[in-house]
N, C-alpha and C. Protein backbone atom coordinates (compact mmCIF):
# COMPACT_ATOMS: atom_id res chain seq x y z
N UNK A 1 109.88 160.01 142.67
CA UNK A 1 108.73 160.32 141.55
C UNK A 1 107.52 159.59 142.14
N UNK A 2 106.56 160.08 142.36
CA UNK A 2 105.09 159.13 143.02
C UNK A 2 104.68 159.46 141.80
N UNK A 3 103.40 158.11 141.41
CA UNK A 3 102.73 158.06 140.39
C UNK A 3 101.39 158.32 140.70
N UNK A 4 100.85 158.98 140.08
CA UNK A 4 99.35 159.73 140.26
C UNK A 4 98.00 158.31 140.36
N UNK A 5 97.96 157.99 141.33
CA UNK A 5 96.56 156.73 141.65
C UNK A 5 95.46 156.67 140.52
N UNK A 6 95.27 158.03 140.09
CA UNK A 6 94.15 158.11 138.82
C UNK A 6 95.04 157.79 137.73
N UNK A 7 95.69 158.06 137.19
CA UNK A 7 96.55 158.16 136.06
C UNK A 7 96.91 156.30 135.63
N UNK A 8 97.08 155.94 137.19
CA UNK A 8 97.27 154.19 136.99
C UNK A 8 96.27 153.48 136.76
N UNK A 9 95.14 154.25 137.38
CA UNK A 9 93.64 153.45 137.51
C UNK A 9 93.30 153.31 135.87
N UNK A 10 93.76 154.48 135.22
CA UNK A 10 93.28 154.61 133.85
C UNK A 10 94.05 153.94 133.16
N UNK A 11 95.13 153.46 133.74
CA UNK A 11 95.99 152.47 132.55
C UNK A 11 95.58 151.22 132.76
N UNK A 12 95.26 150.91 134.13
CA UNK A 12 94.76 149.84 134.19
C UNK A 12 93.35 149.07 133.41
N UNK A 13 92.93 150.55 133.55
CA UNK A 13 91.51 150.20 132.90
C UNK A 13 91.55 149.95 131.51
N UNK A 14 92.15 150.52 130.89
CA UNK A 14 92.56 150.34 129.28
C UNK A 14 93.34 148.94 128.94
N UNK A 15 94.01 148.53 130.06
CA UNK A 15 94.73 147.06 129.86
C UNK A 15 93.44 146.10 130.03
N UNK A 16 93.53 146.40 131.08
CA UNK A 16 92.42 144.85 131.75
C UNK A 16 90.61 145.21 131.36
N UNK A 17 90.27 144.23 130.66
CA UNK A 17 88.96 144.65 130.33
C UNK A 17 88.02 144.44 131.62
N UNK A 18 86.70 145.13 131.57
CA UNK A 18 86.23 145.57 132.80
C UNK A 18 85.48 144.00 133.19
N UNK A 19 84.83 144.06 134.04
CA UNK A 19 83.85 142.82 134.55
C UNK A 19 83.09 142.55 134.12
N UNK A 20 82.23 143.71 133.39
CA UNK A 20 81.36 143.30 132.75
C UNK A 20 81.40 142.56 131.03
N UNK A 21 82.76 143.12 130.77
CA UNK A 21 82.88 142.41 129.27
C UNK A 21 83.12 140.97 129.18
N UNK A 22 82.95 140.70 128.12
CA UNK A 22 82.63 139.15 127.88
C UNK A 22 84.08 138.97 127.73
N UNK A 23 85.01 137.92 128.45
CA UNK A 23 86.40 137.53 127.85
C UNK A 23 86.60 136.35 128.35
N UNK A 24 86.55 135.57 126.82
CA UNK A 24 86.84 134.22 126.92
C UNK A 24 85.50 133.32 126.93
N UNK A 25 85.58 132.04 126.87
CA UNK A 25 84.55 131.14 127.18
C UNK A 25 84.03 131.04 128.24
N UNK A 26 82.85 130.58 128.54
CA UNK A 26 82.20 130.51 130.00
C UNK A 26 82.64 129.12 130.22
N UNK A 27 82.15 129.00 131.67
CA UNK A 27 82.01 127.79 132.37
C UNK A 27 81.20 126.32 131.42
N UNK A 28 80.15 126.56 130.91
CA UNK A 28 79.39 125.85 130.48
C UNK A 28 80.32 125.13 129.11
N UNK A 29 80.68 126.58 128.17
CA UNK A 29 81.26 126.48 127.04
C UNK A 29 82.92 125.37 127.10
N UNK A 30 83.68 126.03 128.25
CA UNK A 30 84.68 124.86 128.36
C UNK A 30 84.57 123.58 128.76
N UNK A 31 83.13 123.43 129.86
CA UNK A 31 83.01 121.75 129.58
C UNK A 31 82.25 121.39 128.58
N UNK A 32 81.76 122.00 127.51
CA UNK A 32 81.56 121.47 126.30
C UNK A 32 82.72 120.62 125.77
N UNK A 33 83.62 121.65 125.36
CA UNK A 33 84.80 121.59 124.88
C UNK A 33 85.66 120.31 125.43
N UNK A 34 85.56 120.12 126.39
CA UNK A 34 86.04 119.19 127.42
C UNK A 34 85.53 117.99 126.93
N UNK A 35 83.95 117.97 126.91
CA UNK A 35 83.64 116.28 126.51
C UNK A 35 83.82 116.09 125.36
N UNK A 36 83.74 117.02 124.26
CA UNK A 36 83.95 116.78 122.67
C UNK A 36 85.70 116.27 122.60
N UNK A 37 86.33 116.76 123.38
CA UNK A 37 87.74 116.28 123.65
C UNK A 37 88.11 114.85 124.03
N UNK A 38 87.50 114.51 124.87
CA UNK A 38 87.34 113.04 125.92
C UNK A 38 86.50 112.07 124.33
N UNK A 39 85.48 112.62 123.79
CA UNK A 39 85.05 111.59 122.64
C UNK A 39 85.62 111.51 122.01
N UNK A 40 86.65 112.08 121.64
CA UNK A 40 87.48 112.41 120.43
C UNK A 40 88.68 111.50 120.55
N UNK A 41 89.10 111.49 121.79
CA UNK A 41 89.96 110.19 122.19
C UNK A 41 89.33 109.11 121.99
N UNK A 42 88.06 109.06 122.62
CA UNK A 42 87.52 107.43 122.65
C UNK A 42 87.73 106.92 121.33
N UNK A 43 87.11 108.09 120.61
CA UNK A 43 87.28 107.45 118.98
C UNK A 43 88.25 106.77 118.85
N UNK A 44 89.23 107.58 118.78
CA UNK A 44 90.50 107.08 118.36
C UNK A 44 91.56 106.23 118.93
N UNK A 45 91.09 106.22 120.46
CA UNK A 45 91.39 104.82 121.07
C UNK A 45 90.71 103.50 120.29
N UNK A 46 89.26 103.78 120.00
CA UNK A 46 88.82 102.36 119.43
C UNK A 46 89.19 102.35 118.20
N UNK A 47 89.52 103.40 117.09
CA UNK A 47 89.89 102.62 116.15
C UNK A 47 91.63 102.10 115.89
N UNK A 48 92.40 102.98 117.10
CA UNK A 48 93.64 102.33 117.08
C UNK A 48 93.34 100.94 117.34
N UNK A 49 92.47 100.43 118.28
CA UNK A 49 92.25 99.31 119.02
C UNK A 49 91.99 98.33 117.75
N UNK A 50 90.91 98.84 117.07
CA UNK A 50 90.53 98.20 115.68
C UNK A 50 91.34 97.84 114.89
N UNK A 51 92.24 98.77 114.46
CA UNK A 51 93.29 98.71 113.66
C UNK A 51 94.50 97.40 114.16
N UNK A 52 94.39 97.64 115.81
CA UNK A 52 95.66 96.34 115.89
C UNK A 52 95.06 95.19 115.55
N UNK A 53 93.75 94.97 116.12
CA UNK A 53 93.04 93.75 116.14
C UNK A 53 93.32 93.33 114.35
N UNK A 54 93.01 93.83 113.36
CA UNK A 54 92.71 93.59 112.43
C UNK A 54 94.28 92.89 112.14
N UNK A 55 95.35 94.08 112.44
CA UNK A 55 96.78 93.16 112.50
C UNK A 55 96.75 92.16 112.75
N UNK A 56 96.53 92.08 113.93
CA UNK A 56 96.79 90.69 114.83
C UNK A 56 96.08 89.75 113.85
N UNK A 57 94.92 89.93 113.37
CA UNK A 57 94.17 88.54 112.56
C UNK A 57 94.78 88.46 110.74
N UNK A 58 95.27 89.50 110.17
CA UNK A 58 95.83 89.15 109.25
C UNK A 58 97.32 88.52 109.61
N UNK A 59 97.74 89.16 110.66
CA UNK A 59 99.31 88.60 110.58
C UNK A 59 98.96 86.71 110.90
N UNK A 60 98.05 86.43 111.60
CA UNK A 60 97.75 85.07 112.28
C UNK A 60 97.29 84.27 110.73
N UNK A 61 96.79 84.90 110.04
CA UNK A 61 96.29 84.16 108.77
C UNK A 61 97.31 84.13 107.69
N UNK A 62 98.07 84.92 107.51
CA UNK A 62 99.49 85.01 106.61
C UNK A 62 100.66 83.68 107.19
N UNK A 63 100.41 84.04 108.95
CA UNK A 63 101.67 83.03 108.76
C UNK A 63 101.26 81.47 108.94
N UNK A 64 99.90 81.10 108.97
CA UNK A 64 99.90 79.69 108.56
C UNK A 64 99.87 79.50 106.86
N UNK A 65 99.83 80.19 106.43
CA UNK A 65 100.26 80.18 104.96
C UNK A 65 101.32 79.31 104.72
N UNK A 66 101.57 78.11 103.75
CA UNK A 66 103.07 77.85 103.80
C UNK A 66 103.46 79.06 102.66
N UNK A 67 105.05 79.06 102.65
CA UNK A 67 105.75 79.62 101.82
C UNK A 67 106.00 78.80 100.43
N UNK A 68 105.80 79.59 98.91
CA UNK A 68 106.01 78.88 98.02
C UNK A 68 107.26 78.39 97.89
N UNK A 69 107.23 76.83 97.14
CA UNK A 69 108.12 76.07 97.11
C UNK A 69 108.84 76.40 95.79
N UNK A 70 110.05 76.73 95.53
CA UNK A 70 110.41 77.13 94.02
C UNK A 70 110.63 75.73 93.37
N UNK A 71 110.16 75.80 92.00
CA UNK A 71 110.56 74.42 91.06
C UNK A 71 111.92 73.99 91.36
N UNK A 72 112.64 72.77 91.52
CA UNK A 72 113.47 72.43 91.36
C UNK A 72 114.37 73.18 89.98
N UNK A 73 115.57 73.60 89.80
CA UNK A 73 115.83 73.76 88.75
C UNK A 73 117.10 72.90 88.41
N UNK A 74 117.21 72.85 87.13
CA UNK A 74 117.97 71.82 86.41
C UNK A 74 119.42 72.41 86.31
N UNK A 75 120.40 71.51 86.51
CA UNK A 75 121.88 71.98 86.52
C UNK A 75 121.95 72.54 84.88
N UNK A 76 122.40 73.15 84.43
CA UNK A 76 122.71 73.73 82.64
C UNK A 76 123.97 72.90 82.64
N UNK A 77 124.52 72.53 81.85
CA UNK A 77 126.07 72.22 81.42
C UNK A 77 126.57 73.26 81.90
N UNK A 78 128.31 72.66 82.14
CA UNK A 78 129.01 74.25 82.22
C UNK A 78 129.56 74.20 80.97
N UNK A 79 129.65 73.68 80.23
CA UNK A 79 130.63 74.17 78.52
C UNK A 79 129.55 73.25 77.47
N UNK A 80 129.05 74.38 76.80
CA UNK A 80 128.06 73.25 75.63
C UNK A 80 128.94 72.56 75.02
N UNK A 81 128.14 71.51 74.29
CA UNK A 81 129.20 70.53 73.45
C UNK A 81 129.36 71.21 72.51
N UNK A 82 130.39 71.11 72.05
CA UNK A 82 131.08 71.82 70.67
C UNK A 82 130.46 71.60 69.65
N UNK A 83 129.52 72.06 68.35
CA UNK A 83 129.15 71.59 67.29
C UNK A 83 130.31 71.74 65.94
N UNK A 84 130.00 70.31 65.99
CA UNK A 84 131.10 70.39 64.54
C UNK A 84 130.55 70.20 63.16
N UNK A 85 130.69 71.22 62.21
CA UNK A 85 130.44 71.57 60.75
C UNK A 85 131.39 71.01 60.10
N UNK A 86 130.87 70.03 59.45
CA UNK A 86 131.87 69.62 58.35
C UNK A 86 131.42 69.17 56.82
N UNK A 87 131.76 69.86 55.78
CA UNK A 87 131.34 69.78 54.35
C UNK A 87 131.29 68.14 54.11
N UNK A 88 130.51 67.93 53.52
CA UNK A 88 130.11 67.06 52.80
C UNK A 88 129.38 66.79 51.00
N UNK A 89 129.98 65.99 50.74
CA UNK A 89 129.78 65.61 49.32
C UNK A 89 128.53 65.04 48.64
N UNK A 90 127.77 65.18 47.47
CA UNK A 90 126.53 64.64 47.67
C UNK A 90 126.55 63.25 47.70
N UNK A 91 127.72 62.37 47.30
CA UNK A 91 127.22 61.28 47.37
C UNK A 91 127.05 60.95 48.85
N UNK A 92 128.07 61.62 49.63
CA UNK A 92 127.46 61.59 51.58
C UNK A 92 126.67 62.10 52.12
N UNK A 93 125.88 62.91 51.30
CA UNK A 93 124.67 63.68 51.34
C UNK A 93 123.47 62.37 51.67
N UNK A 94 123.59 61.87 50.32
CA UNK A 94 122.44 61.09 50.05
C UNK A 94 122.46 59.65 50.81
N UNK A 95 124.17 59.24 51.77
CA UNK A 95 123.98 58.14 52.42
C UNK A 95 123.50 58.76 53.90
N UNK A 96 123.54 60.27 54.11
CA UNK A 96 123.05 60.55 55.37
C UNK A 96 121.52 60.38 55.46
N UNK A 97 120.96 60.56 54.17
CA UNK A 97 119.36 60.32 54.19
C UNK A 97 119.06 59.16 54.61
N UNK A 98 119.69 57.94 54.34
CA UNK A 98 119.15 56.39 54.43
C UNK A 98 118.34 56.10 53.38
N UNK A 99 118.48 56.68 52.33
CA UNK A 99 117.71 55.88 51.59
C UNK A 99 116.43 56.71 51.45
N UNK A 100 116.31 57.88 51.60
CA UNK A 100 115.24 58.52 51.97
C UNK A 100 114.79 58.87 50.39
N UNK A 101 113.69 59.13 49.70
CA UNK A 101 113.40 59.64 49.00
C UNK A 101 113.81 60.92 48.57
N UNK A 102 115.01 61.35 48.01
CA UNK A 102 115.16 62.95 48.04
C UNK A 102 115.99 62.60 46.47
N UNK A 103 116.19 64.46 46.25
CA UNK A 103 116.62 64.85 45.07
C UNK A 103 117.45 65.66 45.02
N UNK A 104 118.89 66.26 44.24
CA UNK A 104 119.55 66.99 44.39
C UNK A 104 119.52 67.82 43.00
N UNK A 105 118.75 69.24 43.25
CA UNK A 105 118.35 69.95 42.20
C UNK A 105 119.54 71.22 41.58
N UNK A 106 120.37 71.06 40.65
CA UNK A 106 121.32 72.10 40.09
C UNK A 106 120.64 73.28 39.29
N UNK A 107 120.77 74.84 39.83
CA UNK A 107 119.99 75.34 39.23
C UNK A 107 121.37 76.01 38.31
N UNK A 108 120.71 76.75 37.17
CA UNK A 108 121.47 77.10 36.27
C UNK A 108 122.57 78.22 37.06
N UNK A 109 122.49 78.80 37.71
CA UNK A 109 123.27 79.98 38.27
C UNK A 109 124.54 79.32 39.16
N UNK A 110 124.49 77.75 39.05
CA UNK A 110 125.49 76.91 40.21
C UNK A 110 124.84 76.61 41.25
N UNK A 111 123.89 77.27 42.08
CA UNK A 111 123.19 76.80 43.40
C UNK A 111 122.86 74.97 43.19
N UNK A 112 122.74 74.72 44.18
CA UNK A 112 121.65 73.44 44.56
C UNK A 112 120.92 73.37 45.49
N UNK A 113 119.82 72.97 45.16
CA UNK A 113 118.86 72.46 46.12
C UNK A 113 118.47 71.19 46.78
N UNK A 114 118.16 70.93 47.74
CA UNK A 114 117.94 69.32 48.21
C UNK A 114 116.40 68.85 48.63
N UNK A 115 115.87 68.50 47.63
CA UNK A 115 114.61 68.16 47.90
C UNK A 115 114.30 66.50 48.31
N UNK A 116 113.40 66.58 49.56
CA UNK A 116 113.39 65.22 50.41
C UNK A 116 111.73 65.10 50.05
N UNK A 117 111.48 63.70 49.65
CA UNK A 117 109.88 63.85 49.28
C UNK A 117 109.67 62.78 50.37
N UNK A 118 108.60 63.86 51.39
CA UNK A 118 107.73 62.87 52.70
C UNK A 118 107.06 62.09 51.97
N UNK A 119 106.78 60.88 52.04
CA UNK A 119 105.84 59.46 52.06
C UNK A 119 104.41 59.87 52.28
N UNK A 120 104.57 60.28 53.53
CA UNK A 120 103.26 60.42 54.48
C UNK A 120 102.58 61.50 54.17
N UNK A 121 103.06 62.43 53.54
CA UNK A 121 101.97 63.59 53.01
C UNK A 121 101.92 63.72 51.33
N UNK A 122 102.48 62.39 50.54
CA UNK A 122 102.34 62.49 49.26
C UNK A 122 100.46 61.97 48.97
N UNK A 123 99.80 62.80 48.21
CA UNK A 123 98.48 62.27 47.54
C UNK A 123 98.23 61.11 46.69
N UNK A 124 97.05 60.77 47.58
CA UNK A 124 97.25 59.23 46.49
C UNK A 124 95.95 59.48 45.58
N UNK A 125 95.74 58.93 44.25
CA UNK A 125 94.80 59.02 43.45
C UNK A 125 94.03 57.98 43.15
């Protein structure tokens, strides 16, 4: 079966644009786009170089600083000293106070209060 050349030409005219129609960017527009892309790349390279330089300077400044030295830590005793609590009677209590002016006050409900007089805080008249 042979194809009709006239039908083929009509089909090609429908698919392909004619030479008078504008199809795509012109040569000037392509050159302008290329210049713009080159300029963008130049700016990106300059920015990356600037960031790299800042990183090198910051690294140099930080490496010159001495690391902070932790204060020496005192060793805590492994086991705390045992706390010994013992009961004392009134006479032993007064002996522990070593003659400091003191009094033992007995309350009506059976409780006791120890009063110690500080000679330095007394008011003189």
